[in-house]
Amino acid sequence: MRRRLLSLAGFATGAVAGTALYRRWFGGGGERLDLYFDDGSFVTFGATSREGARLLPLARQVLTAARRA
C-alpha cells in the first residue's frame, strides 16, 4: 500500500512538472496583461485581443516610467 502511494505521488509530481515545462517552452510565449481588481478577481488580455492590443502599449509605457524612477 505504501509503495503504491509513493509511486502515485511520484507520477503526479512528474506529470505536473512535465506540464509546467511544456507550457514554458512551447506555449504562451506572447505578451499578456493581467488586470487585478479590489474584490480579488482579475482579467487577462492577450496581445491578439482587441483590448490587449490597445492596453499593452500603455502598460509598456508605465513599466518604462517605473523603471526610470
PDB file of N, CA and C in Angstrom:
ATOM      1  N   MET A   1       0.824  -1.204   0.000  1.00  0.00           N
ATOM      2  CA  MET A   1       0.000   0.000   0.000  1.00  0.00           C
ATOM      3  C   MET A   1       0.868   1.267   0.000  1.00  0.00           C
ATOM      4  N   ARG A   2       1.876   1.266   0.849  1.00  0.00           N
ATOM      5  CA  ARG A   2       2.729   2.441   0.953  1.00  0.00           C
ATOM      6  C   ARG A   2       3.516   2.667  -0.339  1.00  0.00           C
ATOM      7  N   ARG A   3       3.996   1.593  -0.934  1.00  0.00           N
ATOM      8  CA  ARG A   3       4.750   1.689  -2.185  1.00  0.00           C
ATOM      9  C   ARG A   3       3.860   2.222  -3.300  1.00  0.00           C
ATOM     10  N   ARG A   4       2.622   1.805  -3.309  1.00  0.00           N
ATOM     11  CA  ARG A   4       1.678   2.266  -4.330  1.00  0.00           C
ATOM     12  C   ARG A   4       1.411   3.767  -4.186  1.00  0.00           C
ATOM     13  N   LEU A   5       1.232   4.234  -2.964  1.00  0.00           N
ATOM     14  CA  LEU A   5       1.008   5.666  -2.735  1.00  0.00           C
ATOM     15  C   LEU A   5       2.236   6.489  -3.131  1.00  0.00           C
ATOM     16  N   LEU A   6       3.426   5.964  -2.824  1.00  0.00           N
ATOM     17  CA  LEU A   6       4.642   6.674  -3.184  1.00  0.00           C
ATOM     18  C   LEU A   6       4.809   6.755  -4.694  1.00  0.00           C
ATOM     19  N   SER A   7       4.517   5.676  -5.386  1.00  0.00           N
ATOM     20  CA  SER A   7       4.637   5.706  -6.844  1.00  0.00           C
ATOM     21  C   SER A   7       3.583   6.618  -7.460  1.00  0.00           C
ATOM     22  N   LEU A   8       2.385   6.638  -6.901  1.00  0.00           N
ATOM     23  CA  LEU A   8       1.338   7.537  -7.390  1.00  0.00           C
ATOM     24  C   LEU A   8       1.733   9.000  -7.173  1.00  0.00           C
ATOM     25  N   ALA A   9       2.298   9.310  -5.996  1.00  0.00           N
ATOM     26  CA  ALA A   9       2.736  10.681  -5.715  1.00  0.00           C
ATOM     27  C   ALA A   9       3.882  11.075  -6.654  1.00  0.00           C
ATOM     28  N   GLY A  10       4.802  10.158  -6.926  1.00  0.00           N
ATOM     29  CA  GLY A  10       5.899  10.443  -7.852  1.00  0.00           C
ATOM     30  C   GLY A  10       5.393  10.685  -9.262  1.00  0.00           C
ATOM     31  N   PHE A  11       4.435   9.873  -9.692  1.00  0.00           N
ATOM     32  CA  PHE A  11       3.862  10.061 -11.017  1.00  0.00           C
ATOM     33  C   PHE A  11       3.152  11.405 -11.123  1.00  0.00           C
ATOM     34  N   ALA A  12       2.366  11.753 -10.105  1.00  0.00           N
ATOM     35  CA  ALA A  12       1.641  13.025 -10.133  1.00  0.00           C
ATOM     36  C   ALA A  12       2.603  14.205 -10.146  1.00  0.00           C
ATOM     37  N   THR A  13       3.660  14.127  -9.354  1.00  0.00           N
ATOM     38  CA  THR A  13       4.659  15.200  -9.328  1.00  0.00           C
ATOM     39  C   THR A  13       5.346  15.333 -10.687  1.00  0.00           C
ATOM     40  N   GLY A  14       5.689  14.218 -11.293  1.00  0.00           N
ATOM     41  CA  GLY A  14       6.305  14.252 -12.609  1.00  0.00           C
ATOM     42  C   GLY A  14       5.382  14.816 -13.671  1.00  0.00           C
ATOM     43  N   ALA A  15       4.099  14.465 -13.588  1.00  0.00           N
ATOM     44  CA  ALA A  15       3.132  14.976 -14.560  1.00  0.00           C
ATOM     45  C   ALA A  15       2.975  16.485 -14.437  1.00  0.00           C
ATOM     46  N   VAL A  16       2.911  16.983 -13.215  1.00  0.00           N
ATOM     47  CA  VAL A  16       2.782  18.433 -13.004  1.00  0.00           C
ATOM     48  C   VAL A  16       4.031  19.151 -13.490  1.00  0.00           C
ATOM     49  N   ALA A  17       5.203  18.609 -13.164  1.00  0.00           N
ATOM     50  CA  ALA A  17       6.447  19.237 -13.604  1.00  0.00           C
ATOM     51  C   ALA A  17       6.565  19.204 -15.123  1.00  0.00           C
ATOM     52  N   GLY A  18       6.193  18.095 -15.738  1.00  0.00           N
ATOM     53  CA  GLY A  18       6.240  17.998 -17.197  1.00  0.00           C
ATOM     54  C   GLY A  18       5.304  18.979 -17.874  1.00  0.00           C
ATOM     55  N   THR A  19       4.127  19.128 -17.318  1.00  0.00           N
ATOM     56  CA  THR A  19       3.169  20.080 -17.874  1.00  0.00           C
ATOM     57  C   THR A  19       3.694  21.506 -17.766  1.00  0.00           C
ATOM     58  N   ALA A  20       4.275  21.841 -16.625  1.00  0.00           N
ATOM     59  CA  ALA A  20       4.820  23.191 -16.439  1.00  0.00           C
ATOM     60  C   ALA A  20       5.958  23.462 -17.424  1.00  0.00           C
ATOM     61  N   LEU A  21       6.844  22.489 -17.605  1.00  0.00           N
ATOM     62  CA  LEU A  21       7.941  22.682 -18.548  1.00  0.00           C
ATOM     63  C   LEU A  21       7.443  22.800 -19.984  1.00  0.00           C
ATOM     64  N   TYR A  22       6.470  21.989 -20.333  1.00  0.00           N
ATOM     65  CA  TYR A  22       5.914  22.059 -21.682  1.00  0.00           C
ATOM     66  C   TYR A  22       5.302  23.429 -21.950  1.00  0.00           C
ATOM     67  N   ARG A  23       4.536  23.937 -21.002  1.00  0.00           N
ATOM     68  CA  ARG A  23       3.908  25.250 -21.185  1.00  0.00           C
ATOM     69  C   ARG A  23       4.950  26.352 -21.252  1.00  0.00           C
ATOM     70  N   ARG A  24       6.025  26.227 -20.481  1.00  0.00           N
ATOM     71  CA  ARG A  24       7.069  27.250 -20.505  1.00  0.00           C
ATOM     72  C   ARG A  24       7.803  27.254 -21.839  1.00  0.00           C
ATOM     73  N   TRP A  25       8.113  26.081 -22.377  1.00  0.00           N
ATOM     74  CA  TRP A  25       8.899  26.003 -23.601  1.00  0.00           C
ATOM     75  C   TRP A  25       8.076  26.212 -24.859  1.00  0.00           C
ATOM     76  N   PHE A  26       6.873  25.691 -24.927  1.00  0.00           N
ATOM     77  CA  PHE A  26       6.133  25.676 -26.179  1.00  0.00           C
ATOM     78  C   PHE A  26       4.870  26.523 -26.190  1.00  0.00           C
ATOM     79  N   GLY A  27       4.365  26.885 -25.061  1.00  0.00           N
ATOM     80  CA  GLY A  27       3.083  27.572 -25.062  1.00  0.00           C
ATOM     81  C   GLY A  27       3.149  28.968 -24.493  1.00  0.00           C
ATOM     82  N   GLY A  28       2.262  29.811 -24.952  1.00  0.00           N
ATOM     83  CA  GLY A  28       2.062  31.120 -24.356  1.00  0.00           C
ATOM     84  C   GLY A  28       3.282  32.019 -24.320  1.00  0.00           C
ATOM     85  N   GLY A  29       4.028  32.089 -25.410  1.00  0.00           N
ATOM     86  CA  GLY A  29       5.207  32.925 -25.429  1.00  0.00           C
ATOM     87  C   GLY A  29       4.899  34.396 -25.636  1.00  0.00           C
ATOM     88  N   GLY A  30       3.656  34.720 -25.944  1.00  0.00           N
ATOM     89  CA  GLY A  30       3.304  36.102 -26.221  1.00  0.00           C
ATOM     90  C   GLY A  30       3.062  36.918 -24.969  1.00  0.00           C
ATOM     91  N   GLU A  31       2.920  38.194 -25.175  1.00  0.00           N
ATOM     92  CA  GLU A  31       2.644  39.089 -24.053  1.00  0.00           C
ATOM     93  C   GLU A  31       1.194  38.959 -23.629  1.00  0.00           C
ATOM     94  N   ARG A  32       0.956  39.312 -22.381  1.00  0.00           N
ATOM     95  CA  ARG A  32      -0.407  39.356 -21.864  1.00  0.00           C
ATOM     96  C   ARG A  32      -0.461  40.407 -20.773  1.00  0.00           C
ATOM     97  N   LEU A  33      -1.653  40.843 -20.497  1.00  0.00           N
ATOM     98  CA  LEU A  33      -1.870  41.869 -19.494  1.00  0.00           C
ATOM     99  C   LEU A  33      -2.892  41.342 -18.502  1.00  0.00           C
ATOM    100  N   ASP A  34      -2.531  41.309 -17.220  1.00  0.00           N
ATOM    101  CA  ASP A  34      -3.439  40.880 -16.165  1.00  0.00           C
ATOM    102  C   ASP A  34      -3.899  42.117 -15.398  1.00  0.00           C
ATOM    103  N   LEU A  35      -5.202  42.309 -15.321  1.00  0.00           N
ATOM    104  CA  LEU A  35      -5.771  43.409 -14.544  1.00  0.00           C
ATOM    105  C   LEU A  35      -6.413  42.834 -13.297  1.00  0.00           C
ATOM    106  N   TYR A  36      -5.927  43.258 -12.133  1.00  0.00           N
ATOM    107  CA  TYR A  36      -6.440  42.769 -10.855  1.00  0.00           C
ATOM    108  C   TYR A  36      -7.358  43.830 -10.257  1.00  0.00           C
ATOM    109  N   PHE A  37      -8.448  43.376  -9.647  1.00  0.00           N
ATOM    110  CA  PHE A  37      -9.430  44.269  -9.058  1.00  0.00           C
ATOM    111  C   PHE A  37      -9.450  44.101  -7.542  1.00  0.00           C
ATOM    112  N   ASP A  38     -10.030  45.078  -6.845  1.00  0.00           N
ATOM    113  CA  ASP A  38     -10.061  45.077  -5.379  1.00  0.00           C
ATOM    114  C   ASP A  38     -10.798  43.875  -4.799  1.00  0.00           C
ATOM    115  N   ASP A  39     -11.764  43.351  -5.526  1.00  0.00           N
ATOM    116  CA  ASP A  39     -12.532  42.229  -4.988  1.00  0.00           C
ATOM    117  C   ASP A  39     -11.819  40.887  -5.152  1.00  0.00           C
ATOM    118  N   GLY A  40     -10.592  40.903  -5.692  1.00  0.00           N
ATOM    119  CA  GLY A  40      -9.807  39.688  -5.839  1.00  0.00           C
ATOM    120  C   GLY A  40      -9.908  39.049  -7.207  1.00  0.00           C
ATOM    121  N   SER A  41     -10.772  39.539  -8.047  1.00  0.00           N
ATOM    122  CA  SER A  41     -10.906  38.973  -9.390  1.00  0.00           C
ATOM    123  C   SER A  41      -9.879  39.615 -10.319  1.00  0.00           C
ATOM    124  N   PHE A  42      -9.675  38.985 -11.463  1.00  0.00           N
ATOM    125  CA  PHE A  42      -8.782  39.552 -12.450  1.00  0.00           C
ATOM    126  C   PHE A  42      -9.207  39.120 -13.839  1.00  0.00           C
ATOM    127  N   VAL A  43      -8.723  39.868 -14.822  1.00  0.00           N
ATOM    128  CA  VAL A  43      -8.997  39.597 -16.229  1.00  0.00           C
ATOM    129  C   VAL A  43      -7.658  39.587 -16.952  1.00  0.00           C
ATOM    130  N   THR A  44      -7.472  38.635 -17.854  1.00  0.00           N
ATOM    131  CA  THR A  44      -6.253  38.547 -18.640  1.00  0.00           C
ATOM    132  C   THR A  44      -6.568  38.865 -20.091  1.00  0.00           C
ATOM    133  N   PHE A  45      -5.805  39.784 -20.679  1.00  0.00           N
ATOM    134  CA  PHE A  45      -5.933  40.131 -22.088  1.00  0.00           C
ATOM    135  C   PHE A  45      -4.656  39.708 -22.797  1.00  0.00           C
ATOM    136  N   GLY A  46      -4.787  38.959 -23.867  1.00  0.00           N
ATOM    137  CA  GLY A  46      -3.640  38.579 -24.679  1.00  0.00           C
ATOM    138  C   GLY A  46      -3.317  39.663 -25.685  1.00  0.00           C
ATOM    139  N   ALA A  47      -2.149  39.582 -26.284  1.00  0.00           N
ATOM    140  CA  ALA A  47      -1.726  40.587 -27.253  1.00  0.00           C
ATOM    141  C   ALA A  47      -2.590  40.569 -28.505  1.00  0.00           C
ATOM    142  N   THR A  48      -3.216  39.431 -28.793  1.00  0.00           N
ATOM    143  CA  THR A  48      -4.033  39.334 -30.004  1.00  0.00           C
ATOM    144  C   THR A  48      -5.458  39.808 -29.802  1.00  0.00           C
ATOM    145  N   SER A  49      -5.863  40.049 -28.559  1.00  0.00           N
ATOM    146  CA  SER A  49      -7.224  40.536 -28.329  1.00  0.00           C
ATOM    147  C   SER A  49      -7.298  42.030 -28.602  1.00  0.00           C
ATOM    148  N   ARG A  50      -8.495  42.509 -28.852  1.00  0.00           N
ATOM    149  CA  ARG A  50      -8.675  43.932 -29.150  1.00  0.00           C
ATOM    150  C   ARG A  50      -8.294  44.788 -27.952  1.00  0.00           C
ATOM    151  N   GLU A  51      -8.710  44.369 -26.760  1.00  0.00           N
ATOM    152  CA  GLU A  51      -8.386  45.133 -25.552  1.00  0.00           C
ATOM    153  C   GLU A  51      -6.886  45.093 -25.267  1.00  0.00           C
ATOM    154  N   GLY A  52      -6.281  43.905 -25.456  1.00  0.00           N
ATOM    155  CA  GLY A  52      -4.850  43.772 -25.220  1.00  0.00           C
ATOM    156  C   GLY A  52      -4.029  44.621 -26.168  1.00  0.00           C
ATOM    157  N   ALA A  53      -4.437  44.662 -27.424  1.00  0.00           N
ATOM    158  CA  ALA A  53      -3.720  45.477 -28.410  1.00  0.00           C
ATOM    159  C   ALA A  53      -3.778  46.957 -28.039  1.00  0.00           C
ATOM    160  N   ARG A  54      -4.845  47.362 -27.395  1.00  0.00           N
ATOM    161  CA  ARG A  54      -4.986  48.765 -27.000  1.00  0.00           C
ATOM    162  C   ARG A  54      -4.267  49.058 -25.682  1.00  0.00           C
ATOM    163  N   LEU A  55      -4.277  48.099 -24.740  1.00  0.00           N
ATOM    164  CA  LEU A  55      -3.735  48.368 -23.417  1.00  0.00           C
ATOM    165  C   LEU A  55      -2.256  48.020 -23.252  1.00  0.00           C
ATOM    166  N   LEU A  56      -1.743  47.072 -24.026  1.00  0.00           N
ATOM    167  CA  LEU A  56      -0.342  46.673 -23.862  1.00  0.00           C
ATOM    168  C   LEU A  56       0.659  47.800 -24.120  1.00  0.00           C
ATOM    169  N   PRO A  57       0.481  48.643 -25.139  1.00  0.00           N
ATOM    170  CA  PRO A  57       1.421  49.770 -25.289  1.00  0.00           C
ATOM    171  C   PRO A  57       1.411  50.707 -24.084  1.00  0.00           C
ATOM    172  N   LEU A  58       0.244  50.922 -23.500  1.00  0.00           N
ATOM    173  CA  LEU A  58       0.166  51.770 -22.306  1.00  0.00           C
ATOM    174  C   LEU A  58       0.873  51.109 -21.127  1.00  0.00           C
ATOM    175  N   ALA A  59       0.709  49.809 -20.996  1.00  0.00           N
ATOM    176  CA  ALA A  59       1.378  49.088 -19.911  1.00  0.00           C
ATOM    177  C   ALA A  59       2.889  49.139 -20.078  1.00  0.00           C
ATOM    178  N   ARG A  60       3.369  49.036 -21.303  1.00  0.00           N
ATOM    179  CA  ARG A  60       4.814  49.143 -21.546  1.00  0.00           C
ATOM    180  C   ARG A  60       5.335  50.517 -21.134  1.00  0.00           C
ATOM    181  N   GLN A  61       4.576  51.559 -21.434  1.00  0.00           N
ATOM    182  CA  GLN A  61       4.979  52.920 -21.049  1.00  0.00           C
ATOM    183  C   GLN A  61       5.035  53.058 -19.531  1.00  0.00           C
ATOM    184  N   VAL A  62       4.055  52.494 -18.843  1.00  0.00           N
ATOM    185  CA  VAL A  62       4.033  52.566 -17.378  1.00  0.00           C
ATOM    186  C   VAL A  62       5.238  51.839 -16.799  1.00  0.00           C
ATOM    187  N   LEU A  63       5.549  50.654 -17.324  1.00  0.00           N
ATOM    188  CA  LEU A  63       6.702  49.903 -16.820  1.00  0.00           C
ATOM    189  C   LEU A  63       8.011  50.622 -17.097  1.00  0.00           C
ATOM    190  N   THR A  64       8.137  51.245 -18.258  1.00  0.00           N
ATOM    191  CA  THR A  64       9.347  52.004 -18.580  1.00  0.00           C
ATOM    192  C   THR A  64       9.507  53.181 -17.631  1.00  0.00           C
ATOM    193  N   ALA A  65       8.422  53.886 -17.351  1.00  0.00           N
ATOM    194  CA  ALA A  65       8.481  55.029 -16.428  1.00  0.00           C
ATOM    195  C   ALA A  65       8.815  54.566 -15.007  1.00  0.00           C
ATOM    196  N   ALA A  66       8.276  53.421 -14.615  1.00  0.00           N
ATOM    197  CA  ALA A  66       8.544  52.917 -13.267  1.00  0.00           C
ATOM    198  C   ALA A  66       9.998  52.471 -13.109  1.00  0.00           C
ATOM    199  N   ARG A  67      10.592  51.943 -14.161  1.00  0.00           N
ATOM    200  CA  ARG A  67      11.993  51.525 -14.080  1.00  0.00           C
ATOM    201  C   ARG A  67      12.938  52.709 -13.964  1.00  0.00           C
ATOM    202  N   ARG A  68      12.572  53.823 -14.578  1.00  0.00           N
ATOM    203  CA  ARG A  68      13.414  55.031 -14.520  1.00  0.00           C
ATOM    204  C   ARG A  68      13.384  55.672 -13.142  1.00  0.00           C
ATOM    205  N   ALA A  69      12.262  55.545 -12.470  1.00  0.00           N
ATOM    206  CA  ALA A  69      12.101  56.226 -11.168  1.00  0.00           C
ATOM    207  C   ALA A  69      12.834  55.543 -10.044  1.00  0.00           C
TER     208      ALA A  69
END
